[in-house]
């Protein structure tokens, strides 16, 4: 479960990174001048990838929270009420 949580954290980070970089490039194409032309051309032509990056990041964050919750529940002793 801990490995799954780590993978989800990386996936969330990558999704958010893609979303932010596409959004920044859409607002000001000169910001990411250090990237090769094929990458910036792709970013210009495919702005919808930002939405996918946002969705992937959000879903990975929610899945990670769910996994962390399950880890905590399995680690804590059951209390009777």
N, C-alpha and C. Protein backbone atom coordinates (compact mmCIF):
# COMPACT_ATOMS: atom_id res chain seq x y z
N UNK A 1 0.81 -1.20 0.00
CA UNK A 1 0.00 0.00 0.00
C UNK A 1 0.86 1.27 0.00
N UNK A 2 1.99 1.21 0.69
CA UNK A 2 2.85 2.40 0.74
C UNK A 2 3.44 2.69 -0.64
N UNK A 3 3.76 1.63 -1.40
CA UNK A 3 4.29 1.85 -2.74
C UNK A 3 3.22 2.46 -3.64
N UNK A 4 1.99 2.00 -3.48
CA UNK A 4 0.89 2.57 -4.25
C UNK A 4 0.71 4.04 -3.92
N UNK A 5 0.82 4.37 -2.66
CA UNK A 5 0.70 5.76 -2.23
C UNK A 5 1.81 6.61 -2.84
N UNK A 6 3.02 6.08 -2.90
CA UNK A 6 4.13 6.82 -3.50
C UNK A 6 3.92 7.02 -4.99
N UNK A 7 3.45 5.98 -5.67
CA UNK A 7 3.19 6.09 -7.10
C UNK A 7 2.10 7.12 -7.37
N UNK A 8 1.07 7.13 -6.55
CA UNK A 8 -0.01 8.11 -6.71
C UNK A 8 0.49 9.53 -6.45
N UNK A 9 1.41 9.69 -5.52
CA UNK A 9 1.98 11.01 -5.25
C UNK A 9 2.77 11.51 -6.46
N UNK A 10 3.55 10.62 -7.06
CA UNK A 10 4.31 11.00 -8.26
C UNK A 10 3.36 11.34 -9.41
N UNK A 11 2.33 10.53 -9.58
CA UNK A 11 1.35 10.77 -10.64
C UNK A 11 0.63 12.10 -10.43
N UNK A 12 0.29 12.41 -9.19
CA UNK A 12 -0.35 13.70 -8.91
C UNK A 12 0.59 14.85 -9.23
N UNK A 13 1.84 14.70 -8.85
CA UNK A 13 2.82 15.75 -9.14
C UNK A 13 3.01 15.96 -10.63
N UNK A 14 3.09 14.88 -11.37
CA UNK A 14 3.25 15.01 -12.82
C UNK A 14 2.02 15.63 -13.48
N UNK A 15 0.85 15.22 -13.04
CA UNK A 15 -0.38 15.79 -13.59
C UNK A 15 -0.48 17.27 -13.35
N UNK A 16 -0.14 17.68 -12.15
CA UNK A 16 -0.19 19.11 -11.82
C UNK A 16 0.90 19.87 -12.57
N UNK A 17 2.08 19.27 -12.71
CA UNK A 17 3.16 19.90 -13.46
C UNK A 17 2.76 20.13 -14.91
N UNK A 18 2.14 19.14 -15.53
CA UNK A 18 1.67 19.28 -16.91
C UNK A 18 0.62 20.38 -17.01
N UNK A 19 -0.33 20.36 -16.08
CA UNK A 19 -1.39 21.37 -16.12
C UNK A 19 -0.83 22.78 -15.97
N UNK A 20 0.08 22.96 -15.02
CA UNK A 20 0.64 24.29 -14.78
C UNK A 20 1.50 24.74 -15.96
N UNK A 21 2.32 23.84 -16.49
CA UNK A 21 3.20 24.25 -17.59
C UNK A 21 2.39 24.59 -18.84
N UNK A 22 1.34 23.84 -19.14
CA UNK A 22 0.51 24.16 -20.30
C UNK A 22 -0.24 25.47 -20.09
N UNK A 23 -0.70 25.71 -18.86
CA UNK A 23 -1.40 26.97 -18.57
C UNK A 23 -0.47 28.16 -18.68
N UNK A 24 0.73 28.03 -18.12
CA UNK A 24 1.71 29.12 -18.19
C UNK A 24 2.08 29.40 -19.65
N UNK A 25 2.30 28.33 -20.41
CA UNK A 25 2.65 28.50 -21.82
C UNK A 25 1.50 29.14 -22.60
N UNK A 26 0.27 28.79 -22.26
CA UNK A 26 -0.88 29.39 -22.94
C UNK A 26 -1.01 30.87 -22.66
N UNK A 27 -0.64 31.27 -21.44
CA UNK A 27 -0.74 32.69 -21.07
C UNK A 27 0.42 33.51 -21.61
N UNK A 28 1.62 32.93 -21.64
CA UNK A 28 2.80 33.64 -22.12
C UNK A 28 3.77 32.64 -22.76
N UNK A 29 3.72 32.47 -24.07
CA UNK A 29 4.57 31.47 -24.74
C UNK A 29 6.07 31.70 -24.57
N UNK A 30 6.49 32.88 -24.20
CA UNK A 30 7.92 33.17 -24.06
C UNK A 30 8.51 32.66 -22.74
N UNK A 31 7.66 32.26 -21.82
CA UNK A 31 8.15 31.82 -20.51
C UNK A 31 8.97 30.54 -20.63
N UNK A 32 8.54 29.63 -21.46
CA UNK A 32 9.20 28.34 -21.58
C UNK A 32 10.07 28.26 -22.83
N UNK A 33 10.86 29.29 -23.08
CA UNK A 33 11.71 29.34 -24.27
C UNK A 33 12.77 28.26 -24.29
N UNK A 34 13.17 27.76 -23.13
CA UNK A 34 14.24 26.77 -23.06
C UNK A 34 13.81 25.40 -23.60
N UNK A 35 12.51 25.18 -23.76
CA UNK A 35 12.03 23.91 -24.30
C UNK A 35 12.24 23.86 -25.81
N UNK A 36 12.48 22.68 -26.36
CA UNK A 36 12.63 22.57 -27.82
C UNK A 36 11.35 22.95 -28.56
N UNK A 37 11.50 23.40 -29.79
CA UNK A 37 10.36 23.85 -30.59
C UNK A 37 9.25 22.81 -30.74
N UNK A 38 9.56 21.53 -30.97
CA UNK A 38 8.45 20.56 -31.10
C UNK A 38 7.57 20.49 -29.85
N UNK A 39 8.18 20.64 -28.68
CA UNK A 39 7.40 20.59 -27.44
C UNK A 39 6.52 21.82 -27.32
N UNK A 40 7.08 23.00 -27.57
CA UNK A 40 6.26 24.21 -27.45
C UNK A 40 5.19 24.26 -28.55
N UNK A 41 5.49 23.72 -29.73
CA UNK A 41 4.46 23.65 -30.77
C UNK A 41 3.32 22.74 -30.34
N UNK A 42 3.67 21.61 -29.74
CA UNK A 42 2.65 20.70 -29.24
C UNK A 42 1.80 21.38 -28.16
N UNK A 43 2.47 22.11 -27.27
CA UNK A 43 1.76 22.79 -26.19
C UNK A 43 0.82 23.87 -26.76
N UNK A 44 1.23 24.52 -27.82
CA UNK A 44 0.40 25.54 -28.44
C UNK A 44 -0.82 24.93 -29.13
N UNK A 45 -0.61 23.81 -29.81
CA UNK A 45 -1.68 23.19 -30.58
C UNK A 45 -2.63 22.33 -29.76
N UNK A 46 -2.19 21.87 -28.60
CA UNK A 46 -2.99 20.92 -27.82
C UNK A 46 -3.20 21.43 -26.39
N UNK A 47 -3.90 22.52 -26.26
CA UNK A 47 -4.17 23.09 -24.94
C UNK A 47 -5.05 22.22 -24.07
N UNK A 48 -5.80 21.31 -24.70
CA UNK A 48 -6.68 20.42 -23.94
C UNK A 48 -5.90 19.48 -23.04
N UNK A 49 -4.61 19.30 -23.30
CA UNK A 49 -3.80 18.41 -22.45
C UNK A 49 -3.74 18.96 -21.03
N UNK A 50 -3.84 20.26 -20.89
CA UNK A 50 -3.86 20.87 -19.56
C UNK A 50 -5.03 20.35 -18.74
N UNK A 51 -6.18 20.21 -19.37
CA UNK A 51 -7.36 19.69 -18.65
C UNK A 51 -7.14 18.24 -18.23
N UNK A 52 -6.50 17.46 -19.09
CA UNK A 52 -6.23 16.07 -18.74
C UNK A 52 -5.22 16.00 -17.59
N UNK A 53 -4.21 16.85 -17.63
CA UNK A 53 -3.25 16.90 -16.53
C UNK A 53 -3.90 17.28 -15.22
N UNK A 54 -4.82 18.23 -15.28
CA UNK A 54 -5.54 18.63 -14.07
C UNK A 54 -6.38 17.47 -13.54
N UNK A 55 -7.07 16.79 -14.43
CA UNK A 55 -7.92 15.66 -14.01
C UNK A 55 -7.07 14.52 -13.43
N UNK A 56 -5.96 14.21 -14.07
CA UNK A 56 -5.08 13.15 -13.57
C UNK A 56 -4.53 13.52 -12.20
N UNK A 57 -4.10 14.77 -12.05
CA UNK A 57 -3.59 15.22 -10.76
C UNK A 57 -4.64 15.15 -9.67
N UNK A 58 -5.84 15.62 -9.98
CA UNK A 58 -6.91 15.61 -8.97
C UNK A 58 -7.32 14.19 -8.60
N UNK A 59 -7.46 13.31 -9.58
CA UNK A 59 -7.83 11.93 -9.29
C UNK A 59 -6.74 11.21 -8.51
N UNK A 60 -5.49 11.48 -8.83
CA UNK A 60 -4.39 10.85 -8.10
C UNK A 60 -4.35 11.33 -6.65
N UNK A 61 -4.63 12.61 -6.43
CA UNK A 61 -4.67 13.13 -5.06
C UNK A 61 -5.80 12.47 -4.28
N UNK A 62 -6.97 12.37 -4.87
CA UNK A 62 -8.10 11.73 -4.19
C UNK A 62 -7.82 10.25 -3.92
N UNK A 63 -7.23 9.56 -4.88
CA UNK A 63 -6.90 8.15 -4.69
C UNK A 63 -5.86 7.98 -3.59
N UNK A 64 -4.88 8.89 -3.57
CA UNK A 64 -3.85 8.80 -2.52
C UNK A 64 -4.45 9.04 -1.14
N UNK A 65 -5.37 9.99 -1.04
CA UNK A 65 -6.03 10.21 0.24
C UNK A 65 -6.81 8.98 0.69
N UNK A 66 -7.43 8.31 -0.25
CA UNK A 66 -8.16 7.08 0.06
C UNK A 66 -7.21 5.98 0.53
N UNK A 67 -6.09 5.84 -0.16
CA UNK A 67 -5.11 4.82 0.23
C UNK A 67 -4.53 5.13 1.60
N UNK A 68 -4.19 6.38 1.84
CA UNK A 68 -3.65 6.77 3.15
C UNK A 68 -4.66 6.51 4.26
N UNK A 69 -5.93 6.77 3.98
CA UNK A 69 -6.98 6.51 4.97
C UNK A 69 -7.07 5.02 5.28
N UNK A 70 -6.97 4.19 4.25
CA UNK A 70 -7.01 2.74 4.48
C UNK A 70 -5.79 2.27 5.27
N UNK A 71 -4.64 2.86 4.99
CA UNK A 71 -3.43 2.49 5.73
C UNK A 71 -3.59 2.85 7.20
N UNK A 72 -4.11 4.04 7.48
CA UNK A 72 -4.31 4.47 8.87
C UNK A 72 -5.31 3.58 9.58
N UNK A 73 -6.41 3.23 8.89
CA UNK A 73 -7.43 2.38 9.51
C UNK A 73 -6.88 0.99 9.81
N UNK A 74 -6.08 0.46 8.92
CA UNK A 74 -5.54 -0.88 9.16
C UNK A 74 -4.46 -0.87 10.23
N UNK A 75 -3.78 0.24 10.42
CA UNK A 75 -2.71 0.32 11.42
C UNK A 75 -3.24 0.60 12.82
N UNK A 76 -4.35 1.30 12.93
CA UNK A 76 -4.86 1.65 14.25
C UNK A 76 -5.71 0.50 14.80
N UNK A 77 -5.60 0.27 16.09
CA UNK A 77 -6.42 -0.79 16.69
C UNK A 77 -7.89 -0.38 16.70
N UNK A 78 -8.73 -1.36 16.55
CA UNK A 78 -10.17 -1.06 16.53
C UNK A 78 -10.63 -0.71 17.93
N UNK A 79 -11.38 0.34 18.01
CA UNK A 79 -11.91 0.76 19.31
C UNK A 79 -13.40 0.45 19.36
N UNK A 80 -13.83 -0.01 20.50
CA UNK A 80 -15.26 -0.34 20.66
C UNK A 80 -15.99 0.87 21.22
N UNK A 81 -17.17 1.10 20.71
CA UNK A 81 -17.96 2.23 21.19
C UNK A 81 -19.27 1.74 21.71
